[in-house]
C-alpha atoms as a PDB file:
ATOM      1  CA  PHE A   1     105.709 -54.079  57.446  1.00  0.00           C
ATOM      2  CA  PHE A   2     104.670 -55.061  60.984  1.00  0.00           C
ATOM      3  CA  PHE A   3     108.045 -54.839  62.635  1.00  0.00           C
ATOM      4  CA  LYS A   4     109.540 -51.935  60.683  1.00  0.00           C
ATOM      5  CA  GLN A   5     107.073 -49.549  62.240  1.00  0.00           C
ATOM      6  CA  LYS A   6     108.129 -46.366  60.411  1.00  0.00           C
ATOM      7  CA  THR A   7     105.030 -46.663  58.216  1.00  0.00           C
ATOM      8  CA  ALA A   8     103.742 -44.319  55.555  1.00  0.00           C
ATOM      9  CA  TYR A   9     101.552 -42.782  58.275  1.00  0.00           C
ATOM     10  CA  GLU A  10     104.589 -41.825  60.332  1.00  0.00           C
ATOM     11  CA  ILE A  11     106.406 -40.529  57.260  1.00  0.00           C
ATOM     12  CA  LEU A  12     103.458 -38.298  56.339  1.00  0.00           C
ATOM     13  CA  THR A  13     103.358 -36.868  59.837  1.00  0.00           C
ATOM     14  CA  CYS A  14     107.129 -36.295  59.722  1.00  0.00           C
ATOM     15  CA  ASP A  15     107.488 -37.849  63.153  1.00  0.00           C
ATOM     16  CA  TRP A  16     111.068 -39.067  63.533  1.00  0.00           C
ATOM     17  CA  SER A  17     112.980 -39.614  66.754  1.00  0.00           C
ATOM     18  CA  SER A  18     116.294 -39.707  64.879  1.00  0.00           C
ATOM     19  CA  ASP A  19     117.775 -39.163  61.447  1.00  0.00           C
ATOM     20  CA  VAL A  20     116.556 -41.166  58.499  1.00  0.00           C
ATOM     21  CA  CYS A  21     119.330 -43.137  56.818  1.00  0.00           C
ATOM     22  CA  SER A  22     119.745 -44.372  53.262  1.00  0.00           C
ATOM     23  CA  SER A  23     118.817 -47.949  54.247  1.00  0.00           C
ATOM     24  CA  ASP A  24     115.480 -46.678  55.606  1.00  0.00           C
ATOM     25  CA  LEU A  25     114.728 -44.934  52.326  1.00  0.00           C
ATOM     26  CA  ALA A  26     115.574 -48.105  50.373  1.00  0.00           C
ATOM     27  CA  GLU A  27     113.206 -50.126  52.567  1.00  0.00           C
ATOM     28  CA  TYR A  28     110.339 -47.674  52.098  1.00  0.00           C
ATOM     29  CA  ALA A  29     110.941 -47.528  48.361  1.00  0.00           C
ATOM     30  CA  LEU A  30     110.264 -51.289  48.311  1.00  0.00           C
ATOM     31  CA  LEU A  31     107.541 -51.468  50.973  1.00  0.00           C
ATOM     32  CA  ALA A  32     105.300 -48.663  49.740  1.00  0.00           C
ATOM     33  CA  PRO A  33     104.501 -50.096  46.282  1.00  0.00           C
ATOM     34  CA  ALA A  34     104.834 -53.732  47.455  1.00  0.00           C
ATOM     35  CA  LEU A  35     101.806 -53.428  49.744  1.00  0.00           C
ATOM     36  CA  ALA A  36      99.576 -52.170  46.943  1.00  0.00           C
ATOM     37  CA  LEU A  37     100.768 -54.991  44.687  1.00  0.00           C
ATOM     38  CA  LEU A  38     100.480 -57.805  47.233  1.00  0.00           C
ATOM     39  CA  ILE A  39      96.986 -56.970  48.490  1.00  0.00           C
ATOM     40  CA  ARG A  40      94.666 -56.957  45.505  1.00  0.00           C
ATOM     41  CA  ARG A  41      91.651 -59.039  46.568  1.00  0.00           C
ATOM     42  CA  ARG A  42      89.007 -58.499  49.214  1.00  0.00           C
ATOM     43  CA  THR A  43      90.010 -61.518  51.288  1.00  0.00           C
ATOM     44  CA  GLN A  44      93.683 -60.514  51.220  1.00  0.00           C
ATOM     45  CA  LEU A  45      92.951 -56.966  52.326  1.00  0.00           C
ATOM     46  CA  VAL A  46      90.442 -57.849  55.034  1.00  0.00           C
ATOM     47  CA  ARG A  47      92.685 -60.542  56.539  1.00  0.00           C
ATOM     48  CA  PHE A  48      95.660 -58.200  56.536  1.00  0.00           C
ATOM     49  CA  LEU A  49      93.676 -55.434  58.244  1.00  0.00           C
ATOM     50  CA  TRP A  50      92.309 -57.774  60.894  1.00  0.00           C
ATOM     51  CA  VAL A  51      95.797 -59.045  61.740  1.00  0.00           C
ATOM     52  CA  PHE A  52      97.183 -55.518  61.881  1.00  0.00           C
ATOM     53  CA  VAL A  53      94.318 -54.251  64.046  1.00  0.00           C
ATOM     54  CA  ALA A  54      94.678 -57.271  66.348  1.00  0.00           C
ATOM     55  CA  TRP A  55      98.392 -56.530  66.760  1.00  0.00           C
ATOM     56  CA  SER A  56      97.627 -52.897  67.536  1.00  0.00           C
ATOM     57  CA  THR A  57      94.895 -53.866  70.003  1.00  0.00           C
ATOM     58  CA  VAL A  58      97.359 -55.992  71.958  1.00  0.00           C
ATOM     59  CA  ALA A  59      99.767 -53.034  72.021  1.00  0.00           C
ATOM     60  CA  SER A  60      97.025 -50.675  73.235  1.00  0.00           C
ATOM     61  CA  GLY A  61      95.956 -53.133  75.917  1.00  0.00           C
ATOM     62  CA  TRP A  62      99.553 -53.421  77.114  1.00  0.00           C
ATOM     63  CA  ALA A  63      99.766 -49.611  77.293  1.00  0.00           C
ATOM     64  CA  VAL A  64      96.576 -49.494  79.391  1.00  0.00           C
ATOM     65  CA  LEU A  65      98.198 -51.871  81.907  1.00  0.00           C
ATOM     66  CA  GLN A  66     101.280 -49.636  81.956  1.00  0.00           C
ATOM     67  CA  PHE A  67      99.111 -46.560  82.476  1.00  0.00           C
ATOM     68  CA  LEU A  68      97.423 -48.241  85.460  1.00  0.00           C
ATOM     69  CA  GLY A  69     100.783 -49.249  86.917  1.00  0.00           C
ATOM     70  CA  ALA A  70     100.043 -52.970  86.620  1.00  0.00           C
ATOM     71  CA  ILE A  71     103.160 -53.775  84.573  1.00  0.00           C
ATOM     72  CA  ASP A  72     106.552 -52.237  83.896  1.00  0.00           C
ATOM     73  CA  GLU A  73     107.474 -50.194  80.858  1.00  0.00           C
ATOM     74  CA  PHE A  74     111.059 -49.673  79.674  1.00  0.00           C
ATOM     75  CA  GLU A  75     111.959 -47.580  82.742  1.00  0.00           C
ATOM     76  CA  GLY A  76     109.918 -49.439  85.339  1.00  0.00           C
ATOM     77  CA  LYS A  77     106.424 -48.630  86.581  1.00  0.00           C
ATOM     78  CA  ARG A  78     105.429 -45.060  85.696  1.00  0.00           C
ATOM     79  CA  PRO A  79     101.618 -44.961  85.830  1.00  0.00           C
ATOM     80  CA  GLY A  80      99.473 -42.047  84.751  1.00  0.00           C
ATOM     81  CA  GLN A  81     101.656 -40.750  81.925  1.00  0.00           C
ATOM     82  CA  LEU A  82     102.125 -41.266  78.190  1.00  0.00           C
ATOM     83  CA  GLU A  83     103.055 -44.904  77.549  1.00  0.00           C
ATOM     84  CA  PRO A  84     105.305 -46.680  75.014  1.00  0.00           C
ATOM     85  CA  SER A  85     103.566 -50.103  75.151  1.00  0.00           C
ATOM     86  CA  PHE A  86     106.129 -52.694  74.014  1.00  0.00           C
ATOM     87  CA  LEU A  87     106.940 -50.797  70.796  1.00  0.00           C
ATOM     88  CA  GLY A  88     108.365 -47.466  71.972  1.00  0.00           C
ATOM     89  CA  ASN A  89     106.543 -44.133  71.938  1.00  0.00           C
ATOM     90  CA  ALA A  90     106.933 -43.199  68.265  1.00  0.00           C
ATOM     91  CA  ASP A  91     106.282 -46.700  66.927  1.00  0.00           C
ATOM     92  CA  PHE A  92     103.289 -47.217  69.210  1.00  0.00           C
ATOM     93  CA  ALA A  93     101.828 -43.884  68.091  1.00  0.00           C
ATOM     94  CA  ALA A  94     102.306 -44.841  64.434  1.00  0.00           C
ATOM     95  CA  THR A  95     100.678 -48.243  64.885  1.00  0.00           C
ATOM     96  CA  ALA A  96      97.708 -46.834  66.803  1.00  0.00           C
ATOM     97  CA  GLY A  97      97.305 -44.019  64.289  1.00  0.00           C
ATOM     98  CA  VAL A  98      97.154 -46.410  61.345  1.00  0.00           C
ATOM     99  CA  THR A  99      94.636 -48.534  63.245  1.00  0.00           C
ATOM    100  CA  LEU A 100      92.395 -45.549  63.966  1.00  0.00           C
ATOM    101  CA  ALA A 101      92.660 -44.406  60.342  1.00  0.00           C
ATOM    102  CA  THR A 102      91.633 -47.925  59.236  1.00  0.00           C
ATOM    103  CA  GLY A 103      88.523 -47.754  61.374  1.00  0.00           C
ATOM    104  CA  LEU A 104      87.621 -44.280  60.110  1.00  0.00           C
ATOM    105  CA  ALA A 105      88.082 -45.421  56.499  1.00  0.00           C
ATOM    106  CA  CYS A 106      85.751 -48.382  57.067  1.00  0.00           C
ATOM    107  CA  VAL A 107      83.125 -46.008  58.485  1.00  0.00           C
ATOM    108  CA  ALA A 108      83.539 -43.647  55.526  1.00  0.00           C
ATOM    109  CA  LEU A 109      83.201 -46.508  53.013  1.00  0.00           C
ATOM    110  CA  ARG A 110      80.273 -48.117  54.847  1.00  0.00           C
ATOM    111  CA  THR A 111      82.016 -51.462  55.145  1.00  0.00           C
ATOM    112  CA  GLN A 112      83.441 -53.960  57.652  1.00  0.00           C
ATOM    113  CA  ALA A 113      81.424 -52.726  60.643  1.00  0.00           C
ATOM    114  CA  ARG A 114      83.040 -55.079  63.179  1.00  0.00           C
ATOM    115  CA  LEU A 115      86.527 -54.231  61.982  1.00  0.00           C
ATOM    116  CA  ALA A 116      85.683 -50.510  62.160  1.00  0.00           C
ATOM    117  CA  THR A 117      84.462 -50.808  65.762  1.00  0.00           C
ATOM    118  CA  VAL A 118      87.536 -52.672  67.003  1.00  0.00           C
ATOM    119  CA  ALA A 119      89.929 -50.421  65.065  1.00  0.00           C
ATOM    120  CA  ILE A 120      88.373 -47.170  66.305  1.00  0.00           C
ATOM    121  CA  VAL A 121      88.272 -48.216  69.968  1.00  0.00           C
ATOM    122  CA  SER A 122      91.802 -49.628  69.885  1.00  0.00           C
ATOM    123  CA  GLY A 123      93.107 -46.709  67.849  1.00  0.00           C
ATOM    124  CA  VAL A 124      91.619 -44.011  70.071  1.00  0.00           C
ATOM    125  CA  VAL A 125      93.053 -45.668  73.195  1.00  0.00           C
ATOM    126  CA  GLY A 126      96.456 -46.169  71.598  1.00  0.00           C
ATOM    127  CA  VAL A 127      96.743 -42.672  70.105  1.00  0.00           C
ATOM    128  CA  ALA A 128      95.721 -41.108  73.412  1.00  0.00           C
ATOM    129  CA  LEU A 129      98.134 -43.159  75.541  1.00  0.00           C
ATOM    130  CA  ALA A 130     101.058 -42.741  73.127  1.00  0.00           C
ATOM    131  CA  ALA A 131     100.352 -38.988  73.289  1.00  0.00           C
ATOM    132  CA  GLN A 132     102.553 -37.981  70.352  1.00  0.00           C
ATOM    133  CA  ILE A 133     101.421 -34.613  69.009  1.00  0.00           C
ATOM    134  CA  LEU A 134     102.842 -34.769  65.482  1.00  0.00           C
ATOM    135  CA  PRO A 135     101.513 -38.282  64.747  1.00  0.00           C
ATOM    136  CA  TYR A 136      98.121 -37.090  65.951  1.00  0.00           C
ATOM    137  CA  GLY A 137      98.333 -34.503  63.174  1.00  0.00           C
ATOM    138  CA  GLY A 138      98.435 -37.444  60.772  1.00  0.00           C
ATOM    139  CA  VAL A 139      95.231 -38.793  62.333  1.00  0.00           C
ATOM    140  CA  VAL A 140      93.548 -35.442  61.698  1.00  0.00           C
ATOM    141  CA  LEU A 141      94.677 -35.567  58.061  1.00  0.00           C
ATOM    142  CA  ALA A 142      93.382 -39.131  57.700  1.00  0.00           C
ATOM    143  CA  ALA A 143      90.016 -38.186  59.222  1.00  0.00           C
ATOM    144  CA  SER A 144      89.739 -35.194  56.880  1.00  0.00           C
ATOM    145  CA  ALA A 145      90.503 -37.420  53.886  1.00  0.00           C
ATOM    146  CA  CYS A 146      87.827 -39.902  55.009  1.00  0.00           C
ATOM    147  CA  LEU A 147      85.230 -37.146  55.184  1.00  0.00           C
ATOM    148  CA  VAL A 148      86.161 -35.812  51.752  1.00  0.00           C
ATOM    149  CA  VAL A 149      86.180 -39.249  50.091  1.00  0.00           C
ATOM    150  CA  ALA A 150      82.885 -40.267  51.684  1.00  0.00           C
ATOM    151  CA  ARG A 151      81.228 -37.015  50.641  1.00  0.00           C
ATOM    152  CA  ARG A 152      82.443 -37.334  47.057  1.00  0.00           C
ATOM    153  CA  ALA A 153      81.144 -40.915  46.977  1.00  0.00           C
ATOM    154  CA  ASP A 154      77.790 -39.681  48.331  1.00  0.00           C
ATOM    155  CA  ALA A 155      78.225 -42.037  51.300  1.00  0.00           C
ATOM    156  CA  LEU A 156      78.560 -39.503  54.111  1.00  0.00           C
ATOM    157  CA  SER A 157      75.612 -39.412  56.498  1.00  0.00           C
ATOM    158  CA  ARG A 158      75.440 -37.212  59.582  1.00  0.00           C
ATOM    159  CA  ARG A 159      75.853 -40.257  61.799  1.00  0.00           C
ATOM    160  CA  ARG A 160      79.001 -41.446  60.033  1.00  0.00           C
ATOM    161  CA  ALA A 161      80.465 -37.949  59.997  1.00  0.00           C
ATOM    162  CA  ALA A 162      79.768 -37.676  63.725  1.00  0.00           C
ATOM    163  CA  VAL A 163      81.559 -40.975  64.387  1.00  0.00           C
ATOM    164  CA  ILE A 164      84.647 -39.849  62.445  1.00  0.00           C
ATOM    165  CA  VAL A 165      84.780 -36.417  64.067  1.00  0.00           C
ATOM    166  CA  THR A 166      84.053 -37.707  67.584  1.00  0.00           C
ATOM    167  CA  ALA A 167      86.726 -40.413  67.445  1.00  0.00           C
ATOM    168  CA  THR A 168      89.288 -37.875  66.220  1.00  0.00           C
ATOM    169  CA  VAL A 169      88.383 -35.333  68.896  1.00  0.00           C
ATOM    170  CA  VAL A 170      88.404 -37.894  71.722  1.00  0.00           C
ATOM    171  CA  ALA A 171      91.847 -39.149  70.665  1.00  0.00           C
ATOM    172  CA  GLY A 172      93.078 -35.548  70.513  1.00  0.00           C
ATOM    173  CA  ALA A 173      91.706 -34.795  73.962  1.00  0.00           C
ATOM    174  CA  GLY A 174      93.657 -37.747  75.342  1.00  0.00           C
ATOM    175  CA  VAL A 175      96.845 -36.597  73.637  1.00  0.00           C
ATOM    176  CA  LEU A 176      96.424 -33.062  74.963  1.00  0.00           C
ATOM    177  CA  ALA A 177      95.674 -34.282  78.493  1.00  0.00           C
ATOM    178  CA  LEU A 178      98.910 -36.271  78.674  1.00  0.00           C
ATOM    179  CA  ARG A 179     100.909 -33.618  76.810  1.00  0.00           C
ATOM    180  CA  THR A 180      99.750 -30.533  78.724  1.00  0.00           C
ATOM    181  CA  TYR A 181     103.266 -29.899  80.055  1.00  0.00           C
ATOM    182  CA  ASP A 182     104.884 -30.028  76.595  1.00  0.00           C
ATOM    183  CA  THR A 183     102.124 -27.925  75.054  1.00  0.00           C
ATOM    184  CA  ALA A 184     102.603 -25.239  77.694  1.00  0.00           C
ATOM    185  CA  ASN A 185     106.353 -25.213  77.097  1.00  0.00           C
ATOM    186  CA  PHE A 186     105.898 -24.868  73.336  1.00  0.00           C
ATOM    187  CA  LEU A 187     103.581 -21.889  73.915  1.00  0.00           C
ATOM    188  CA  ARG A 188     106.341 -20.362  76.049  1.00  0.00           C
ATOM    189  CA  PHE A 189     108.783 -21.007  73.208  1.00  0.00           C
ATOM    190  CA  LEU A 190     106.444 -19.116  70.854  1.00  0.00           C
ATOM    191  CA  GLY A 191     106.245 -16.253  73.346  1.00  0.00           C
ATOM    192  CA  ILE A 192     102.539 -16.785  74.019  1.00  0.00           C
ATOM    193  CA  ARG A 193     103.167 -17.732  77.646  1.00  0.00           C
ATOM    194  CA  PRO A 194     105.867 -16.344  79.960  1.00  0.00           C
ATOM    195  CA  ALA A 195     109.078 -18.352  80.241  1.00  0.00           C
ATOM    196  CA  THR A 196     110.099 -20.110  83.449  1.00  0.00           C
ATOM    197  CA  ALA A 197     113.465 -21.119  84.921  1.00  0.00           C
ATOM    198  CA  GLU A 198     112.827 -24.715  83.886  1.00  0.00           C
ATOM    199  CA  THR A 199     112.242 -23.677  80.271  1.00  0.00           C
ATOM    200  CA  ALA A 200     115.870 -22.567  80.002  1.00  0.00           C
ATOM    201  CA  THR A 201     117.320 -25.830  81.370  1.00  0.00           C
ATOM    202  CA  ALA A 202     115.132 -28.644  80.025  1.00  0.00           C
ATOM    203  CA  VAL A 203     115.018 -29.878  76.421  1.00  0.00           C
ATOM    204  CA  GLN A 204     111.511 -29.356  75.001  1.00  0.00           C
ATOM    205  CA  THR A 205     110.523 -31.551  72.060  1.00  0.00           C
ATOM    206  CA  GLY A 206     108.437 -29.099  70.016  1.00  0.00           C
ATOM    207  CA  SER A 207     110.808 -26.157  70.271  1.00  0.00           C
ATOM    208  CA  GLN A 208     113.854 -28.345  69.626  1.00  0.00           C
ATOM    209  CA  ARG A 209     112.383 -29.871  66.465  1.00  0.00           C
ATOM    210  CA  THR A 210     111.446 -26.410  65.205  1.00  0.00           C
ATOM    211  CA  MET A 211     115.041 -25.265  65.704  1.00  0.00           C
ATOM    212  CA  LEU A 212     116.472 -28.390  64.032  1.00  0.00           C
ATOM    213  CA  ALA A 213     114.111 -27.917  61.081  1.00  0.00           C
ATOM    214  CA  TYR A 214     115.431 -24.354  60.727  1.00  0.00           C
ATOM    215  CA  ILE A 215     119.016 -25.667  60.565  1.00  0.00           C
ATOM    216  CA  GLY A 216     117.959 -28.234  57.960  1.00  0.00           C
ATOM    217  CA  ILE A 217     116.360 -25.567  55.780  1.00  0.00           C
ATOM    218  CA  ARG A 218     119.479 -23.400  56.036  1.00  0.00           C
ATOM    219  CA  ILE A 219     121.638 -26.351  54.947  1.00  0.00           C
ATOM    220  CA  TRP A 220     119.373 -26.920  51.944  1.00  0.00           C
ATOM    221  CA  LEU A 221     119.351 -23.259  50.934  1.00  0.00           C
ATOM    222  CA  ASP A 222     123.150 -23.388  50.718  1.00  0.00           C
ATOM    223  CA  HIS A 223     123.064 -26.695  48.750  1.00  0.00           C
ATOM    224  CA  PRO A 224     119.727 -26.559  46.902  1.00  0.00           C
ATOM    225  CA  LEU A 225     120.156 -29.023  44.039  1.00  0.00           C
ATOM    226  CA  LEU A 226     121.874 -32.122  45.474  1.00  0.00           C
ATOM    227  CA  GLY A 227     122.224 -31.347  49.194  1.00  0.00           C
ATOM    228  CA  VAL A 228     125.233 -32.314  51.304  1.00  0.00           C
ATOM    229  CA  GLY A 229     124.946 -36.104  50.893  1.00  0.00           C
ATOM    230  CA  PHE A 230     123.108 -38.937  52.620  1.00  0.00           C
ATOM    231  CA  GLU A 231     123.206 -38.768  56.432  1.00  0.00           C
ATOM    232  CA  ARG A 232     125.623 -35.805  56.415  1.00  0.00           C
ATOM    233  CA  SER A 233     123.280 -33.051  57.525  1.00  0.00           C
ATOM    234  CA  ALA A 234     123.575 -34.180  61.165  1.00  0.00           C
ATOM    235  CA  ASN A 235     127.139 -32.841  61.392  1.00  0.00           C
ATOM    236  CA  ARG A 236     126.809 -29.798  59.101  1.00  0.00           C
ATOM    237  CA  TYR A 237     125.154 -27.582  61.705  1.00  0.00           C
ATOM    238  CA  GLN A 238     128.169 -25.446  62.719  1.00  0.00           C
ATOM    239  CA  PRO A 239     127.713 -22.521  60.249  1.00  0.00           C
ATOM    240  CA  TYR A 240     124.100 -22.060  61.400  1.00  0.00           C
ATOM    241  CA  LEU A 241     124.405 -22.694  65.130  1.00  0.00           C
ATOM    242  CA  ALA A 242     124.886 -19.037  66.156  1.00  0.00           C
ATOM    243  CA  ASP A 243     121.799 -17.954  64.210  1.00  0.00           C
ATOM    244  CA  ALA A 244     119.800 -20.863  65.637  1.00  0.00           C
ATOM    245  CA  ARG A 245     120.738 -19.829  69.172  1.00  0.00           C
ATOM    246  CA  ARG A 246     119.700 -16.249  68.459  1.00  0.00           C
ATOM    247  CA  TRP A 247     116.391 -17.102  66.804  1.00  0.00           C
ATOM    248  CA  PHE A 248     115.437 -20.102  68.966  1.00  0.00           C
ATOM    249  CA  PRO A 249     116.686 -19.578  72.545  1.00  0.00           C
ATOM    250  CA  GLN A 250     116.360 -22.734  74.654  1.00  0.00           C
ATOM    251  CA  ALA A 251     118.353 -25.180  76.780  1.00  0.00           C
ATOM    252  CA  ASP A 252     121.971 -25.761  75.684  1.00  0.00           C
ATOM    253  CA  ASP A 253     121.457 -29.518  75.380  1.00  0.00           C
ATOM    254  CA  ALA A 254     118.731 -28.939  72.790  1.00  0.00           C
ATOM    255  CA  PHE A 255     121.254 -27.636  70.262  1.00  0.00           C
ATOM    256  CA  PRO A 256     123.358 -30.013  68.140  1.00  0.00           C
ATOM    257  CA  SER A 257     126.925 -30.559  69.297  1.00  0.00           C
ATOM    258  CA  PRO A 258     129.673 -33.201  68.989  1.00  0.00           C
ATOM    259  CA  ARG A 259     128.055 -34.889  71.995  1.00  0.00           C
ATOM    260  CA  HIS A 260     124.498 -34.538  70.628  1.00  0.00           C
ATOM    261  CA  GLU A 261     124.324 -34.859  66.832  1.00  0.00           C
ATOM    262  CA  TRP A 262     120.564 -34.514  66.856  1.00  0.00           C
ATOM    263  CA  GLY A 263     120.048 -34.251  63.121  1.00  0.00           C
ATOM    264  CA  VAL A 264     117.053 -32.639  61.402  1.00  0.00           C
ATOM    265  CA  GLN A 265     114.371 -35.109  62.653  1.00  0.00           C
ATOM    266  CA  ASN A 266     111.969 -34.336  59.826  1.00  0.00           C
ATOM    267  CA  LEU A 267     111.961 -36.595  56.776  1.00  0.00           C
ATOM    268  CA  TRP A 268     111.092 -34.039  54.111  1.00  0.00           C
ATOM    269  CA  ILE A 269     113.463 -31.350  55.369  1.00  0.00           C
ATOM    270  CA  GLN A 270     116.229 -33.900  55.840  1.00  0.00           C
ATOM    271  CA  LEU A 271     115.710 -35.106  52.270  1.00  0.00           C
ATOM    272  CA  LEU A 272     116.184 -31.541  51.112  1.00  0.00           C
ATOM    273  CA  ALA A 273     119.291 -31.033  53.270  1.00  0.00           C
ATOM    274  CA  ASP A 274     120.863 -34.395  52.386  1.00  0.00           C
ATOM    275  CA  THR A 275     119.852 -34.781  48.744  1.00  0.00           C
ATOM    276  CA  GLY A 276     118.426 -31.442  47.606  1.00  0.00           C
ATOM    277  CA  ILE A 277     115.502 -30.947  45.264  1.00  0.00           C
ATOM    278  CA  ALA A 278     116.506 -34.030  43.277  1.00  0.00           C
ATOM    279  CA  GLY A 279     116.266 -36.284  46.325  1.00  0.00           C
ATOM    280  CA  LEU A 280     112.997 -34.757  47.483  1.00  0.00           C
ATOM    281  CA  ALA A 281     111.474 -35.377  44.050  1.00  0.00           C
ATOM    282  CA  ALA A 282     112.623 -39.013  44.162  1.00  0.00           C
ATOM    283  CA  GLY A 283     111.238 -39.457  47.674  1.00  0.00           C
ATOM    284  CA  LEU A 284     107.874 -37.983  46.772  1.00  0.00           C
ATOM    285  CA  GLY A 285     107.815 -40.075  43.601  1.00  0.00           C
ATOM    286  CA  THR A 286     108.154 -43.262  45.663  1.00  0.00           C
ATOM    287  CA  PHE A 287     104.931 -42.648  47.538  1.00  0.00           C
ATOM    288  CA  LEU A 288     103.081 -41.130  44.589  1.00  0.00           C
ATOM    289  CA  ALA A 289     103.857 -44.310  42.649  1.00  0.00           C
ATOM    290  CA  ALA A 290     102.559 -46.412  45.539  1.00  0.00           C
ATOM    291  CA  GLY A 291      99.412 -44.288  45.677  1.00  0.00           C
ATOM    292  CA  ALA A 292      98.844 -44.731  41.953  1.00  0.00           C
ATOM    293  CA  LEU A 293      99.191 -48.514  42.311  1.00  0.00           C
ATOM    294  CA  ALA A 294      96.754 -48.502  45.229  1.00  0.00           C
ATOM    295  CA  LEU A 295      94.173 -46.554  43.224  1.00  0.00           C
ATOM    296  CA  ARG A 296      94.531 -48.951  40.310  1.00  0.00           C
ATOM    297  CA  ALA A 297      94.042 -51.873  42.689  1.00  0.00           C
ATOM    298  CA  ARG A 298      90.705 -50.310  43.777  1.00  0.00           C
ATOM    299  CA  PRO A 299      90.829 -50.954  47.536  1.00  0.00           C
ATOM    300  CA  ASP A 300      87.296 -49.559  47.849  1.00  0.00           C
ATOM    301  CA  ALA A 301      86.017 -52.370  45.626  1.00  0.00           C
ATOM    302  CA  ALA A 302      88.115 -54.905  47.504  1.00  0.00           C
ATOM    303  CA  LEU A 303      86.582 -53.808  50.808  1.00  0.00           C
ATOM    304  CA  ALA A 304      83.021 -53.859  49.542  1.00  0.00           C
ATOM    305  CA  GLY A 305      80.692 -55.874  51.734  1.00  0.00           C
ATOM    306  CA  THR A 306      80.360 -56.328  55.464  1.00  0.00           C
END
């Protein structure tokens, strides 16, 4: 769970830097319910969370040193930008996001005050420095869930709601500050801002993923029930490439080609393209089953106490 960092958080935010393969799906099918089965007592859960938060705190601290230019990252010293820590951008964002969500959940459940403090501080720093927009969307979803659960449990005070909202907003402000360039380019892609010469020559993450998602949906619409087969959607783009270029104009290197088999880069759409409705149902069932096991294990009861 620690070293295979494509966690349920990252899956829910659909943040993938490359195609998902069948071995990944097999691993998640085992990991998702295994966690709910293995951690069933308060001591087991609290120890696990402390170890995970400690690991994430080390990663966030390493990213701070990279941001200040004190140590190298994968491409040398590049201070003052989004940082990968020692995990890589996507994995670091996932780890920090889960850590922040852990802290917000502890606040919502009125439990583990020290763990909540460390997790929120570490998570906010990590999410901001990783500066991944789609994973931050998962943080917003987690914060919203915490507010809803706490309100339904009649445990939501104004102070606790303010902590949850403030931590989420501060993390988002950090993400936006380091992602201003990409945000501006995505607004140009949407036609909200005027295009520039650089827009036509540089690959922009948000616009490229939107275009690749469009190709994935087109593949699924032509093969709705069973898809085109595991890991095959990455090289089935040719019939849809002309339409993609017309609807989503951008740099040539952003489009899939024999040299760049980008793939769909979105788990749920790739499941549809690769395996159709049947595969999507099986994928959703994996995590619904894990959620049912977690609810039966009563993690709120296991966390009770400070």
